[in-house]
Amino acid sequence: MLRPGVPVIAAVFIYAVSAGAVFAQTMSYADAVTKLADDCGADIQKLCKGLNLGSGRIADCLQQNAAKVSATCKGSLTAVFQSITQREHAQASYSQVCRRDMSKSCDGIKGDGFILACLVKKEKRVSKECNQVITDAGWR
C-alpha cells in the first residue's frame, strides 16, 4: 500500500529526473520514490500542500522554498536524481561499452535479453567495464 504523499513524491521525481547528474551507485525508480517519500514527504506536506501534480509544480515549490526544505530532503533529492541519471546513462551506453565482450563471449547469440543473460552468466570472463555498466543499469 502506498503511503500518503507518494504520488506527490513520484511527480517530483519524474519531473526532476530529466535534470541530470552523475552518482556512484544507482537505485530503482521504486526505491527512489520510497526514499523521497520518506525523506521529503513532510516538507512537501508543509510547504507545498494543495498543489496539483504535474508540470513540475512540486519541484518548483521545493525550489522556491529551498531555504525551508530540510537538509535530509535536499540530500535525498540530489542523491536520487544523480543515481537515476547514472542508471539511465548506463542503460543507454550498455551496448557500446559491452560490444567487445558481446562478440568475444556471446557471439552467435541473438536477441538483446539473451545477450545480456549470456554476459551476466559469463561475468568472470567479461570486462570490468561491461560488468560495471550492467550493474549500474540495474540489470544484475
Protein backbone atom coordinates (compact mmCIF):
# COMPACT_ATOMS: atom_id res chain seq x y z
CA MET A 1 0.00 0.00 0.00
CA LEU A 2 1.29 3.44 -0.89
CA ARG A 3 2.00 5.92 1.85
CA PRO A 4 0.28 9.30 1.82
CA GLY A 5 2.25 11.68 -0.33
CA VAL A 6 3.84 9.01 -2.53
CA PRO A 7 2.01 10.24 -5.68
CA VAL A 8 3.31 13.74 -4.94
CA ILE A 9 6.84 12.40 -4.47
CA ALA A 10 6.53 10.44 -7.71
CA ALA A 11 5.59 13.59 -9.58
CA VAL A 12 8.59 15.48 -8.17
CA PHE A 13 10.81 12.55 -9.03
CA ILE A 14 9.60 12.22 -12.63
CA TYR A 15 9.96 15.94 -13.21
CA ALA A 16 13.42 16.19 -11.73
CA VAL A 17 14.94 13.07 -13.29
CA SER A 18 15.24 14.98 -16.53
CA ALA A 19 17.64 17.46 -14.88
CA GLY A 20 20.59 15.03 -14.94
CA ALA A 21 23.73 14.39 -12.87
CA VAL A 22 26.18 11.60 -12.02
CA PHE A 23 26.40 9.43 -8.89
CA ALA A 24 28.41 6.38 -7.83
CA GLN A 25 25.51 3.98 -7.17
CA THR A 26 22.18 3.55 -8.84
CA MET A 27 18.75 2.79 -7.45
CA SER A 28 15.50 1.66 -8.98
CA TYR A 29 12.60 4.04 -9.58
CA ALA A 30 10.64 2.28 -6.83
CA ASP A 31 13.50 2.71 -4.36
CA ALA A 32 13.86 6.36 -5.41
CA VAL A 33 10.18 7.12 -4.85
CA THR A 34 10.27 5.38 -1.46
CA LYS A 35 13.37 7.34 -0.40
CA LEU A 36 11.81 10.64 -1.47
CA ALA A 37 8.54 9.80 0.28
CA ASP A 38 10.44 9.01 3.47
CA ASP A 39 12.79 11.98 3.37
CA CYS A 40 10.72 14.71 1.65
CA GLY A 41 7.10 13.86 2.38
CA ALA A 42 6.88 16.13 5.44
CA ASP A 43 8.49 19.04 3.56
CA ILE A 44 6.06 18.67 0.66
CA GLN A 45 3.07 18.45 3.00
CA LYS A 46 4.23 21.53 4.91
CA LEU A 47 5.50 23.72 2.06
CA CYS A 48 3.54 22.59 -0.99
CA LYS A 49 0.24 21.35 0.37
CA GLY A 50 -2.64 21.51 -2.08
CA LEU A 51 -0.56 21.80 -5.24
CA ASN A 52 -1.69 19.68 -8.16
CA LEU A 53 0.66 17.07 -9.57
CA GLY A 54 2.23 17.61 -12.96
CA SER A 55 4.06 20.36 -14.78
CA GLY A 56 6.78 20.34 -12.13
CA ARG A 57 4.70 22.27 -9.60
CA ILE A 58 6.00 20.32 -6.59
CA ALA A 59 9.62 20.56 -7.75
CA ASP A 60 9.16 24.29 -8.37
CA CYS A 61 7.62 24.68 -4.91
CA LEU A 62 10.54 22.91 -3.26
CA GLN A 63 13.00 25.04 -5.23
CA GLN A 64 11.19 28.27 -4.32
CA ASN A 65 11.20 27.22 -0.66
CA ALA A 66 14.74 25.84 -0.71
CA ALA A 67 15.70 27.75 2.44
CA LYS A 68 12.90 25.96 4.34
CA VAL A 69 13.45 22.46 2.91
CA SER A 70 15.12 20.10 5.38
CA ALA A 71 18.74 19.11 4.85
CA THR A 72 17.65 15.46 4.72
CA CYS A 73 15.25 16.13 1.86
CA LYS A 74 17.80 18.23 -0.05
CA GLY A 75 20.40 15.48 0.27
CA SER A 76 17.95 12.81 -0.82
CA LEU A 77 16.76 14.81 -3.82
CA THR A 78 20.33 15.26 -5.00
CA ALA A 79 21.31 11.63 -4.41
CA VAL A 80 18.18 10.19 -6.01
CA PHE A 81 18.36 12.30 -9.14
CA GLN A 82 22.06 11.63 -9.59
CA SER A 83 21.56 7.90 -9.10
CA ILE A 84 18.70 7.63 -11.57
CA THR A 85 20.61 9.67 -14.13
CA GLN A 86 23.59 7.32 -13.83
CA ARG A 87 21.28 4.30 -14.20
CA GLU A 88 19.72 5.75 -17.35
CA HIS A 89 23.16 6.57 -18.77
CA ALA A 90 24.37 3.01 -18.09
CA GLN A 91 21.31 1.57 -19.82
CA ALA A 92 21.86 3.80 -22.84
CA SER A 93 25.60 3.05 -23.11
CA TYR A 94 25.47 -0.69 -22.33
CA SER A 95 25.68 -1.95 -25.92
CA GLN A 96 28.64 0.32 -26.71
CA VAL A 97 30.55 -0.46 -23.51
CA CYS A 98 29.93 -4.22 -23.82
CA ARG A 99 30.32 -4.50 -27.61
CA ARG A 100 33.68 -6.31 -27.44
CA ASP A 101 32.50 -8.66 -24.68
CA MET A 102 29.38 -9.46 -26.69
CA SER A 103 31.39 -10.54 -29.71
CA LYS A 104 34.04 -12.34 -27.66
CA SER A 105 31.87 -14.18 -25.13
CA CYS A 106 28.38 -14.30 -26.66
CA ASP A 107 28.99 -14.46 -30.42
CA GLY A 108 26.12 -16.01 -32.33
CA ILE A 109 23.53 -15.32 -29.64
CA LYS A 110 20.54 -13.37 -30.95
CA GLY A 111 18.25 -11.07 -29.01
CA ASP A 112 19.11 -8.37 -26.50
CA GLY A 113 17.77 -10.27 -23.50
CA PHE A 114 19.66 -13.43 -24.42
CA ILE A 115 22.88 -11.49 -24.97
CA LEU A 116 22.51 -9.77 -21.61
CA ALA A 117 21.82 -13.12 -19.91
CA CYS A 118 24.95 -14.53 -21.56
CA LEU A 119 27.10 -11.62 -20.31
CA VAL A 120 25.70 -11.97 -16.78
CA LYS A 121 26.28 -15.72 -16.82
CA LYS A 122 29.87 -15.26 -18.03
CA GLU A 123 30.57 -12.46 -15.56
CA LYS A 124 34.07 -13.72 -14.71
CA ARG A 125 35.14 -13.60 -18.37
CA VAL A 126 33.54 -10.23 -19.10
CA SER A 127 35.47 -6.96 -18.77
CA LYS A 128 35.29 -4.90 -15.61
CA GLU A 129 33.72 -2.00 -17.55
CA CYS A 130 30.99 -4.17 -19.04
CA ASN A 131 30.19 -5.76 -15.68
CA GLN A 132 30.03 -2.31 -14.10
CA VAL A 133 27.65 -0.91 -16.72
CA ILE A 134 25.37 -3.95 -16.32
CA THR A 135 25.33 -3.40 -12.55
CA ASP A 136 24.82 0.36 -12.86
CA ALA A 137 21.97 -0.24 -15.32
CA GLY A 138 20.22 -2.27 -12.61
CA TRP A 139 20.25 -5.50 -14.60
CA ARG A 140 22.04 -7.58 -12.00
